[in-house]
């Protein structure tokens, strides 16, 4: 069966102290679940290592929603968005000749994500991007997320949004 995208890459965004996913990560995973249910994707790559091993927690969330284990792949080495892109390409996209992924992240994270995933994989890749809503994120959490994005965008010499 031909799908709209070769694979969905769902970017991590941390794990709560109690081991659950923050609301913004749940939304990203739920969007991948919807795309799988609709037949737009046949594979899902959850991307995020970090000390809390985001990929494992995200994969479990998908399994708990009924996604078969063979559909979900885990990129567990990355610690940031640049590494998400590099390891996703090196370990999954290139070896499988997947040139048309869809990258799923949050609205607040999308400007930087688009720049990174448009450059790092290179000209042979044509990623699409889907953002999920920032609405309902606790005010303090959201302020911290936006400040972090601003600092990282400055570090990458991107225009502030």
N, C-alpha and C. Protein backbone atom coordinates (compact mmCIF):
# COMPACT_ATOMS: atom_id res chain seq x y z
N UNK A 1 0.85 -1.19 0.00
CA UNK A 1 0.00 0.00 0.00
C UNK A 1 0.89 1.25 0.00
N UNK A 2 0.63 2.17 -0.89
CA UNK A 2 1.38 3.42 -0.98
C UNK A 2 0.81 4.42 0.01
N UNK A 3 1.72 5.00 0.80
CA UNK A 3 1.31 6.00 1.79
C UNK A 3 1.69 7.39 1.30
N UNK A 4 1.12 8.40 1.90
CA UNK A 4 1.41 9.78 1.53
C UNK A 4 2.85 10.16 1.88
N UNK A 5 3.35 9.66 3.02
CA UNK A 5 4.70 9.94 3.49
C UNK A 5 5.44 8.62 3.69
N UNK A 6 6.76 8.66 3.50
CA UNK A 6 7.56 7.46 3.76
C UNK A 6 7.53 7.07 5.23
N UNK A 7 7.57 8.09 6.08
CA UNK A 7 7.62 7.86 7.53
C UNK A 7 7.26 9.16 8.25
N UNK A 8 6.72 9.04 9.45
CA UNK A 8 6.52 10.21 10.31
C UNK A 8 7.63 10.22 11.35
N UNK A 9 8.27 11.37 11.50
CA UNK A 9 9.28 11.54 12.54
C UNK A 9 8.66 12.44 13.60
N UNK A 10 8.48 11.89 14.79
CA UNK A 10 7.88 12.63 15.90
C UNK A 10 9.00 13.06 16.83
N UNK A 11 9.15 14.37 16.99
CA UNK A 11 10.23 14.89 17.82
C UNK A 11 9.83 14.88 19.29
N UNK A 12 10.78 14.48 20.11
CA UNK A 12 10.57 14.46 21.55
C UNK A 12 10.53 15.87 22.12
N UNK A 13 10.15 15.94 23.37
CA UNK A 13 10.07 17.24 24.04
C UNK A 13 10.13 17.08 25.54
N UNK A 14 10.81 16.04 25.96
CA UNK A 14 10.98 15.82 27.39
C UNK A 14 10.02 14.79 27.95
N UNK A 15 10.33 14.39 29.16
CA UNK A 15 9.51 13.46 29.92
C UNK A 15 9.31 14.10 31.29
N UNK A 16 8.09 14.05 31.80
CA UNK A 16 7.79 14.63 33.11
C UNK A 16 8.51 13.85 34.21
N UNK A 17 8.71 14.47 35.37
CA UNK A 17 9.39 13.78 36.47
C UNK A 17 8.75 12.44 36.86
N UNK A 18 7.43 12.33 36.65
CA UNK A 18 6.75 11.08 36.99
C UNK A 18 6.84 10.03 35.87
N UNK A 19 7.56 10.35 34.79
CA UNK A 19 7.74 9.39 33.70
C UNK A 19 6.72 9.49 32.59
N UNK A 20 5.76 10.40 32.73
CA UNK A 20 4.75 10.56 31.68
C UNK A 20 5.24 11.60 30.66
N UNK A 21 4.51 11.70 29.57
CA UNK A 21 4.86 12.68 28.53
C UNK A 21 4.15 14.00 28.79
N UNK A 22 4.82 15.12 28.56
CA UNK A 22 4.15 16.41 28.65
C UNK A 22 3.06 16.51 27.58
N UNK A 23 2.09 17.37 27.80
CA UNK A 23 0.96 17.50 26.89
C UNK A 23 1.41 17.79 25.46
N UNK A 24 2.45 18.61 25.27
CA UNK A 24 2.89 18.95 23.93
C UNK A 24 3.46 17.73 23.20
N UNK A 25 4.07 16.81 23.91
CA UNK A 25 4.59 15.59 23.28
C UNK A 25 3.44 14.63 22.99
N UNK A 26 2.50 14.51 23.90
CA UNK A 26 1.32 13.67 23.64
C UNK A 26 0.61 14.12 22.37
N UNK A 27 0.48 15.43 22.18
CA UNK A 27 -0.18 15.94 20.97
C UNK A 27 0.58 15.53 19.71
N UNK A 28 1.90 15.60 19.77
CA UNK A 28 2.71 15.20 18.62
C UNK A 28 2.47 13.72 18.29
N UNK A 29 2.48 12.90 19.32
CA UNK A 29 2.29 11.46 19.12
C UNK A 29 0.87 11.16 18.64
N UNK A 30 -0.10 11.87 19.19
CA UNK A 30 -1.48 11.66 18.76
C UNK A 30 -1.66 12.02 17.29
N UNK A 31 -0.94 13.03 16.81
CA UNK A 31 -1.01 13.38 15.38
C UNK A 31 -0.43 12.24 14.54
N UNK A 32 0.67 11.66 14.95
CA UNK A 32 1.23 10.51 14.22
C UNK A 32 0.24 9.35 14.23
N UNK A 33 -0.42 9.14 15.36
CA UNK A 33 -1.43 8.09 15.46
C UNK A 33 -2.55 8.32 14.44
N UNK A 34 -3.01 9.58 14.35
CA UNK A 34 -4.05 9.93 13.37
C UNK A 34 -3.58 9.65 11.94
N UNK A 35 -2.36 10.02 11.63
CA UNK A 35 -1.83 9.79 10.27
C UNK A 35 -1.72 8.30 9.97
N UNK A 36 -1.37 7.52 10.96
CA UNK A 36 -1.31 6.07 10.78
C UNK A 36 -2.72 5.51 10.55
N UNK A 37 -3.66 5.96 11.37
CA UNK A 37 -5.05 5.49 11.25
C UNK A 37 -5.63 5.83 9.87
N UNK A 38 -5.25 6.99 9.32
CA UNK A 38 -5.80 7.42 8.04
C UNK A 38 -5.07 6.79 6.85
N UNK A 39 -3.96 6.09 7.11
CA UNK A 39 -3.21 5.46 6.03
C UNK A 39 -2.18 6.36 5.38
N UNK A 40 -1.95 7.56 5.94
CA UNK A 40 -0.96 8.48 5.36
C UNK A 40 0.48 8.06 5.65
N UNK A 41 0.68 7.28 6.70
CA UNK A 41 2.01 6.77 7.04
C UNK A 41 1.92 5.29 7.39
N UNK A 42 3.01 4.59 7.19
CA UNK A 42 3.07 3.18 7.56
C UNK A 42 4.11 2.91 8.63
N UNK A 43 4.96 3.91 8.89
CA UNK A 43 6.02 3.79 9.90
C UNK A 43 6.08 5.08 10.71
N UNK A 44 6.46 4.95 11.97
CA UNK A 44 6.62 6.09 12.86
C UNK A 44 7.97 5.98 13.52
N UNK A 45 8.75 7.06 13.44
CA UNK A 45 10.03 7.14 14.14
C UNK A 45 9.88 8.16 15.26
N UNK A 46 10.02 7.69 16.50
CA UNK A 46 10.01 8.59 17.64
C UNK A 46 11.46 8.94 17.93
N UNK A 47 11.75 10.23 18.06
CA UNK A 47 13.13 10.68 18.12
C UNK A 47 13.39 11.48 19.38
N UNK A 48 14.30 10.97 20.20
CA UNK A 48 14.71 11.68 21.40
C UNK A 48 15.36 10.74 22.39
N UNK A 49 16.60 11.03 22.69
CA UNK A 49 17.33 10.22 23.66
C UNK A 49 17.25 10.88 25.01
N UNK A 50 18.16 11.82 25.23
CA UNK A 50 18.22 12.52 26.49
C UNK A 50 18.28 11.54 27.66
N UNK A 51 18.59 12.02 28.83
CA UNK A 51 18.71 11.12 29.98
C UNK A 51 17.42 10.37 30.29
N UNK A 52 16.26 10.98 29.97
CA UNK A 52 15.00 10.32 30.31
C UNK A 52 14.51 9.37 29.22
N UNK A 53 15.30 9.20 28.15
CA UNK A 53 14.99 8.26 27.08
C UNK A 53 13.58 8.46 26.51
N UNK A 54 13.39 9.63 25.97
CA UNK A 54 12.09 10.01 25.41
C UNK A 54 11.53 9.00 24.42
N UNK A 55 12.38 8.49 23.55
CA UNK A 55 11.90 7.57 22.51
C UNK A 55 11.22 6.34 23.10
N UNK A 56 11.77 5.81 24.15
CA UNK A 56 11.15 4.64 24.80
C UNK A 56 9.77 4.97 25.34
N UNK A 57 9.64 6.13 25.99
CA UNK A 57 8.36 6.54 26.57
C UNK A 57 7.34 6.81 25.46
N UNK A 58 7.80 7.46 24.38
CA UNK A 58 6.90 7.74 23.26
C UNK A 58 6.46 6.46 22.57
N UNK A 59 7.37 5.51 22.40
CA UNK A 59 7.02 4.23 21.77
C UNK A 59 6.00 3.48 22.61
N UNK A 60 6.17 3.49 23.92
CA UNK A 60 5.21 2.83 24.81
C UNK A 60 3.84 3.49 24.69
N UNK A 61 3.80 4.81 24.61
CA UNK A 61 2.54 5.53 24.45
C UNK A 61 1.82 5.06 23.19
N UNK A 62 2.56 4.93 22.10
CA UNK A 62 1.96 4.45 20.84
C UNK A 62 1.49 3.00 20.95
N UNK A 63 2.29 2.16 21.59
CA UNK A 63 1.88 0.76 21.78
C UNK A 63 0.59 0.70 22.60
N UNK A 64 0.51 1.54 23.64
CA UNK A 64 -0.69 1.57 24.49
C UNK A 64 -1.92 2.02 23.71
N UNK A 65 -1.71 2.78 22.63
CA UNK A 65 -2.82 3.22 21.77
C UNK A 65 -3.16 2.17 20.72
N UNK A 66 -2.39 1.08 20.67
CA UNK A 66 -2.70 -0.01 19.75
C UNK A 66 -1.85 -0.05 18.49
N UNK A 67 -0.81 0.77 18.39
CA UNK A 67 0.07 0.71 17.23
C UNK A 67 0.99 -0.49 17.37
N UNK A 68 1.04 -1.36 16.38
CA UNK A 68 1.92 -2.54 16.48
C UNK A 68 3.39 -2.14 16.62
N UNK A 69 4.13 -2.90 17.40
CA UNK A 69 5.53 -2.62 17.67
C UNK A 69 6.36 -2.54 16.39
N UNK A 70 6.02 -3.32 15.37
CA UNK A 70 6.78 -3.33 14.12
C UNK A 70 6.67 -2.01 13.35
N UNK A 71 5.69 -1.18 13.68
CA UNK A 71 5.46 0.10 13.01
C UNK A 71 6.34 1.20 13.60
N UNK A 72 6.69 1.07 14.87
CA UNK A 72 7.37 2.14 15.61
C UNK A 72 8.87 1.86 15.71
N UNK A 73 9.64 2.84 15.28
CA UNK A 73 11.10 2.78 15.42
C UNK A 73 11.53 3.85 16.41
N UNK A 74 12.66 3.60 17.06
CA UNK A 74 13.12 4.51 18.12
C UNK A 74 14.52 5.02 17.81
N UNK A 75 14.62 6.33 17.68
CA UNK A 75 15.93 6.99 17.55
C UNK A 75 16.25 7.51 18.95
N UNK A 76 17.21 6.86 19.61
CA UNK A 76 17.45 7.13 21.03
C UNK A 76 18.77 7.85 21.31
N UNK A 77 19.49 8.28 20.29
CA UNK A 77 20.80 8.90 20.52
C UNK A 77 20.74 10.42 20.62
N UNK A 78 19.74 11.05 20.04
CA UNK A 78 19.72 12.51 19.94
C UNK A 78 19.44 13.18 21.28
N UNK A 79 20.03 14.37 21.41
CA UNK A 79 19.83 15.19 22.60
C UNK A 79 19.24 16.54 22.27
N UNK A 80 19.04 16.81 20.97
CA UNK A 80 18.50 18.10 20.53
C UNK A 80 17.98 17.95 19.10
N UNK A 81 17.42 19.01 18.56
CA UNK A 81 16.78 18.95 17.25
C UNK A 81 17.78 18.71 16.12
N UNK A 82 18.97 19.29 16.23
CA UNK A 82 20.00 19.05 15.22
C UNK A 82 20.33 17.56 15.17
N UNK A 83 20.52 16.96 16.32
CA UNK A 83 20.81 15.53 16.37
C UNK A 83 19.60 14.70 15.95
N UNK A 84 18.37 15.16 16.26
CA UNK A 84 17.17 14.47 15.75
C UNK A 84 17.27 14.30 14.25
N UNK A 85 17.61 15.40 13.57
CA UNK A 85 17.69 15.39 12.10
C UNK A 85 18.85 14.52 11.61
N UNK A 86 20.01 14.69 12.21
CA UNK A 86 21.20 13.95 11.76
C UNK A 86 21.04 12.44 11.95
N UNK A 87 20.65 12.02 13.14
CA UNK A 87 20.51 10.59 13.41
C UNK A 87 19.33 9.98 12.66
N UNK A 88 18.25 10.74 12.50
CA UNK A 88 17.11 10.23 11.73
C UNK A 88 17.53 9.94 10.30
N UNK A 89 18.29 10.86 9.71
CA UNK A 89 18.76 10.65 8.34
C UNK A 89 19.72 9.47 8.28
N UNK A 90 20.76 9.51 9.10
CA UNK A 90 21.82 8.51 9.04
C UNK A 90 21.33 7.10 9.35
N UNK A 91 20.51 6.97 10.38
CA UNK A 91 20.11 5.64 10.86
C UNK A 91 18.83 5.09 10.25
N UNK A 92 17.98 5.96 9.69
CA UNK A 92 16.68 5.49 9.21
C UNK A 92 16.36 5.93 7.79
N UNK A 93 16.43 7.23 7.51
CA UNK A 93 16.02 7.71 6.19
C UNK A 93 16.94 7.17 5.08
N UNK A 94 18.22 7.42 5.19
CA UNK A 94 19.16 7.01 4.13
C UNK A 94 19.18 5.51 3.92
N UNK A 95 19.34 4.68 4.96
CA UNK A 95 19.40 3.23 4.73
C UNK A 95 18.14 2.65 4.09
N UNK A 96 16.99 3.26 4.37
CA UNK A 96 15.72 2.75 3.84
C UNK A 96 15.26 3.48 2.59
N UNK A 97 16.05 4.46 2.13
CA UNK A 97 15.68 5.27 0.96
C UNK A 97 14.32 5.93 1.13
N UNK A 98 14.12 6.49 2.32
CA UNK A 98 12.92 7.25 2.62
C UNK A 98 13.24 8.72 2.42
N UNK A 99 12.74 9.29 1.35
CA UNK A 99 13.09 10.66 0.99
C UNK A 99 11.98 11.68 1.29
N UNK A 100 10.81 11.18 1.65
CA UNK A 100 9.68 12.08 1.90
C UNK A 100 9.06 11.81 3.27
N UNK A 101 9.76 12.25 4.33
CA UNK A 101 9.18 12.10 5.66
C UNK A 101 8.26 13.26 6.00
N UNK A 102 7.45 13.08 7.02
CA UNK A 102 6.71 14.19 7.60
C UNK A 102 7.25 14.35 9.02
N UNK A 103 7.59 15.58 9.37
CA UNK A 103 8.15 15.88 10.68
C UNK A 103 7.04 16.48 11.53
N UNK A 104 6.82 15.91 12.71
CA UNK A 104 5.74 16.36 13.58
C UNK A 104 6.34 16.95 14.86
N UNK A 105 5.95 18.20 15.13
CA UNK A 105 6.36 18.87 16.36
C UNK A 105 5.32 19.91 16.73
N UNK A 106 5.61 20.70 17.73
CA UNK A 106 4.68 21.72 18.21
C UNK A 106 4.86 23.04 17.47
N UNK A 107 3.83 23.89 17.51
CA UNK A 107 3.90 25.20 16.86
C UNK A 107 5.12 26.00 17.34
N UNK A 108 5.35 26.01 18.66
CA UNK A 108 6.45 26.81 19.19
C UNK A 108 7.82 26.32 18.72
N UNK A 109 7.90 25.07 18.34
CA UNK A 109 9.17 24.44 17.95
C UNK A 109 9.35 24.39 16.43
N UNK A 110 8.31 24.69 15.69
CA UNK A 110 8.32 24.48 14.24
C UNK A 110 9.29 25.38 13.47
N UNK A 111 9.40 26.68 13.75
CA UNK A 111 10.32 27.50 12.93
C UNK A 111 11.75 26.94 12.91
N UNK A 112 12.28 26.58 14.06
CA UNK A 112 13.64 26.04 14.13
C UNK A 112 13.70 24.66 13.50
N UNK A 113 12.67 23.86 13.72
CA UNK A 113 12.62 22.52 13.15
C UNK A 113 12.67 22.56 11.62
N UNK A 114 11.90 23.46 11.03
CA UNK A 114 11.89 23.57 9.56
C UNK A 114 13.26 23.89 9.01
N UNK A 115 13.95 24.83 9.64
CA UNK A 115 15.30 25.19 9.16
C UNK A 115 16.23 23.99 9.28
N UNK A 116 16.21 23.33 10.41
CA UNK A 116 17.14 22.22 10.65
C UNK A 116 16.84 21.04 9.72
N UNK A 117 15.58 20.63 9.62
CA UNK A 117 15.25 19.47 8.80
C UNK A 117 15.24 19.78 7.31
N UNK A 118 15.27 21.04 6.95
CA UNK A 118 15.39 21.40 5.54
C UNK A 118 16.85 21.41 5.10
N UNK A 119 17.77 21.60 6.05
CA UNK A 119 19.20 21.66 5.71
C UNK A 119 19.94 20.36 5.96
N UNK A 120 19.78 19.78 7.13
CA UNK A 120 20.62 18.64 7.52
C UNK A 120 20.44 17.41 6.63
N UNK A 121 19.24 16.97 6.33
CA UNK A 121 19.17 15.78 5.46
C UNK A 121 19.75 16.02 4.07
N UNK A 122 19.64 17.22 3.56
CA UNK A 122 20.22 17.52 2.26
C UNK A 122 19.20 17.61 1.15
N UNK A 123 19.66 17.91 -0.07
CA UNK A 123 18.76 18.22 -1.19
C UNK A 123 17.97 17.04 -1.72
N UNK A 124 18.36 15.82 -1.43
CA UNK A 124 17.62 14.66 -1.92
C UNK A 124 16.34 14.40 -1.12
N UNK A 125 16.17 15.11 -0.02
CA UNK A 125 15.03 14.86 0.87
C UNK A 125 14.02 15.99 0.75
N UNK A 126 12.76 15.63 0.81
CA UNK A 126 11.70 16.64 0.73
C UNK A 126 10.72 16.44 1.90
N UNK A 127 11.13 16.90 3.08
CA UNK A 127 10.26 16.72 4.24
C UNK A 127 9.04 17.64 4.19
N UNK A 128 7.95 17.16 4.72
CA UNK A 128 6.79 17.99 5.01
C UNK A 128 6.76 18.17 6.52
N UNK A 129 5.99 19.14 6.96
CA UNK A 129 5.97 19.49 8.38
C UNK A 129 4.53 19.65 8.84
N UNK A 130 4.24 19.08 10.00
CA UNK A 130 2.93 19.25 10.63
C UNK A 130 3.17 19.70 12.06
N UNK A 131 2.53 20.81 12.43
CA UNK A 131 2.65 21.27 13.81
C UNK A 131 1.35 21.02 14.55
N UNK A 132 1.49 20.80 15.83
CA UNK A 132 0.32 20.62 16.69
C UNK A 132 0.19 21.84 17.60
N UNK A 133 -0.99 22.07 18.08
CA UNK A 133 -1.33 23.28 18.83
C UNK A 133 -0.55 23.41 20.14
N UNK A 134 -0.27 24.67 20.47
CA UNK A 134 0.33 25.01 21.76
C UNK A 134 -0.73 25.30 22.82
N UNK A 135 -1.99 25.38 22.43
CA UNK A 135 -3.04 25.76 23.37
C UNK A 135 -3.12 24.79 24.54
N UNK A 136 -3.35 25.37 25.70
CA UNK A 136 -3.56 24.56 26.89
C UNK A 136 -2.30 24.18 27.64
N UNK A 137 -1.13 24.57 27.14
CA UNK A 137 0.09 24.30 27.89
C UNK A 137 0.12 25.27 29.07
N UNK A 138 0.43 24.75 30.25
CA UNK A 138 0.50 25.60 31.44
C UNK A 138 1.35 26.83 31.17
N UNK A 139 0.92 27.98 31.63
CA UNK A 139 1.58 29.25 31.34
C UNK A 139 3.07 29.22 31.64
N UNK A 140 3.47 28.74 32.81
CA UNK A 140 4.88 28.74 33.17
C UNK A 140 5.67 27.80 32.27
N UNK A 141 5.14 26.63 31.99
CA UNK A 141 5.81 25.69 31.08
C UNK A 141 6.00 26.34 29.72
N UNK A 142 4.94 27.01 29.24
CA UNK A 142 5.00 27.60 27.91
C UNK A 142 6.01 28.74 27.86
N UNK A 143 6.07 29.55 28.89
CA UNK A 143 7.06 30.64 28.94
C UNK A 143 8.48 30.07 28.88
N UNK A 144 8.72 29.00 29.62
CA UNK A 144 10.04 28.37 29.61
C UNK A 144 10.36 27.78 28.23
N UNK A 145 9.37 27.15 27.61
CA UNK A 145 9.58 26.58 26.27
C UNK A 145 9.90 27.67 25.25
N UNK A 146 9.15 28.77 25.31
CA UNK A 146 9.39 29.86 24.36
C UNK A 146 10.76 30.51 24.58
N UNK A 147 11.15 30.67 25.82
CA UNK A 147 12.47 31.26 26.11
C UNK A 147 13.58 30.34 25.60
N UNK A 148 13.42 29.05 25.80
CA UNK A 148 14.41 28.09 25.31
C UNK A 148 14.49 28.14 23.78
N UNK A 149 13.34 28.20 23.12
CA UNK A 149 13.33 28.28 21.65
C UNK A 149 14.01 29.56 21.18
N UNK A 150 13.76 30.66 21.87
CA UNK A 150 14.37 31.93 21.49
C UNK A 150 15.89 31.84 21.59
N UNK A 151 16.39 31.30 22.70
CA UNK A 151 17.84 31.16 22.88
C UNK A 151 18.46 30.23 21.84
N UNK A 152 17.81 29.12 21.57
CA UNK A 152 18.34 28.18 20.58
C UNK A 152 18.30 28.77 19.18
N UNK A 153 17.27 29.52 18.87
CA UNK A 153 17.18 30.18 17.56
C UNK A 153 18.30 31.21 17.40
N UNK A 154 18.59 31.93 18.46
CA UNK A 154 19.69 32.90 18.43
C UNK A 154 21.01 32.16 18.21
N UNK A 155 21.19 31.06 18.91
CA UNK A 155 22.42 30.28 18.79
C UNK A 155 22.60 29.75 17.36
N UNK A 156 21.50 29.45 16.69
CA UNK A 156 21.57 28.95 15.31
C UNK A 156 21.50 30.08 14.30
N UNK A 157 21.44 31.32 14.81
CA UNK A 157 21.39 32.51 13.95
C UNK A 157 20.14 32.52 13.07
N UNK A 158 19.01 32.14 13.67
CA UNK A 158 17.73 32.17 12.98
C UNK A 158 16.99 33.43 13.38
N UNK A 159 16.05 33.85 12.54
CA UNK A 159 15.21 34.98 12.90
C UNK A 159 14.31 34.58 14.05
N UNK A 160 14.17 35.47 14.99
CA UNK A 160 13.29 35.20 16.13
C UNK A 160 11.83 35.29 15.68
N UNK A 161 11.01 34.38 16.18
CA UNK A 161 9.60 34.40 15.80
C UNK A 161 8.74 34.84 16.96
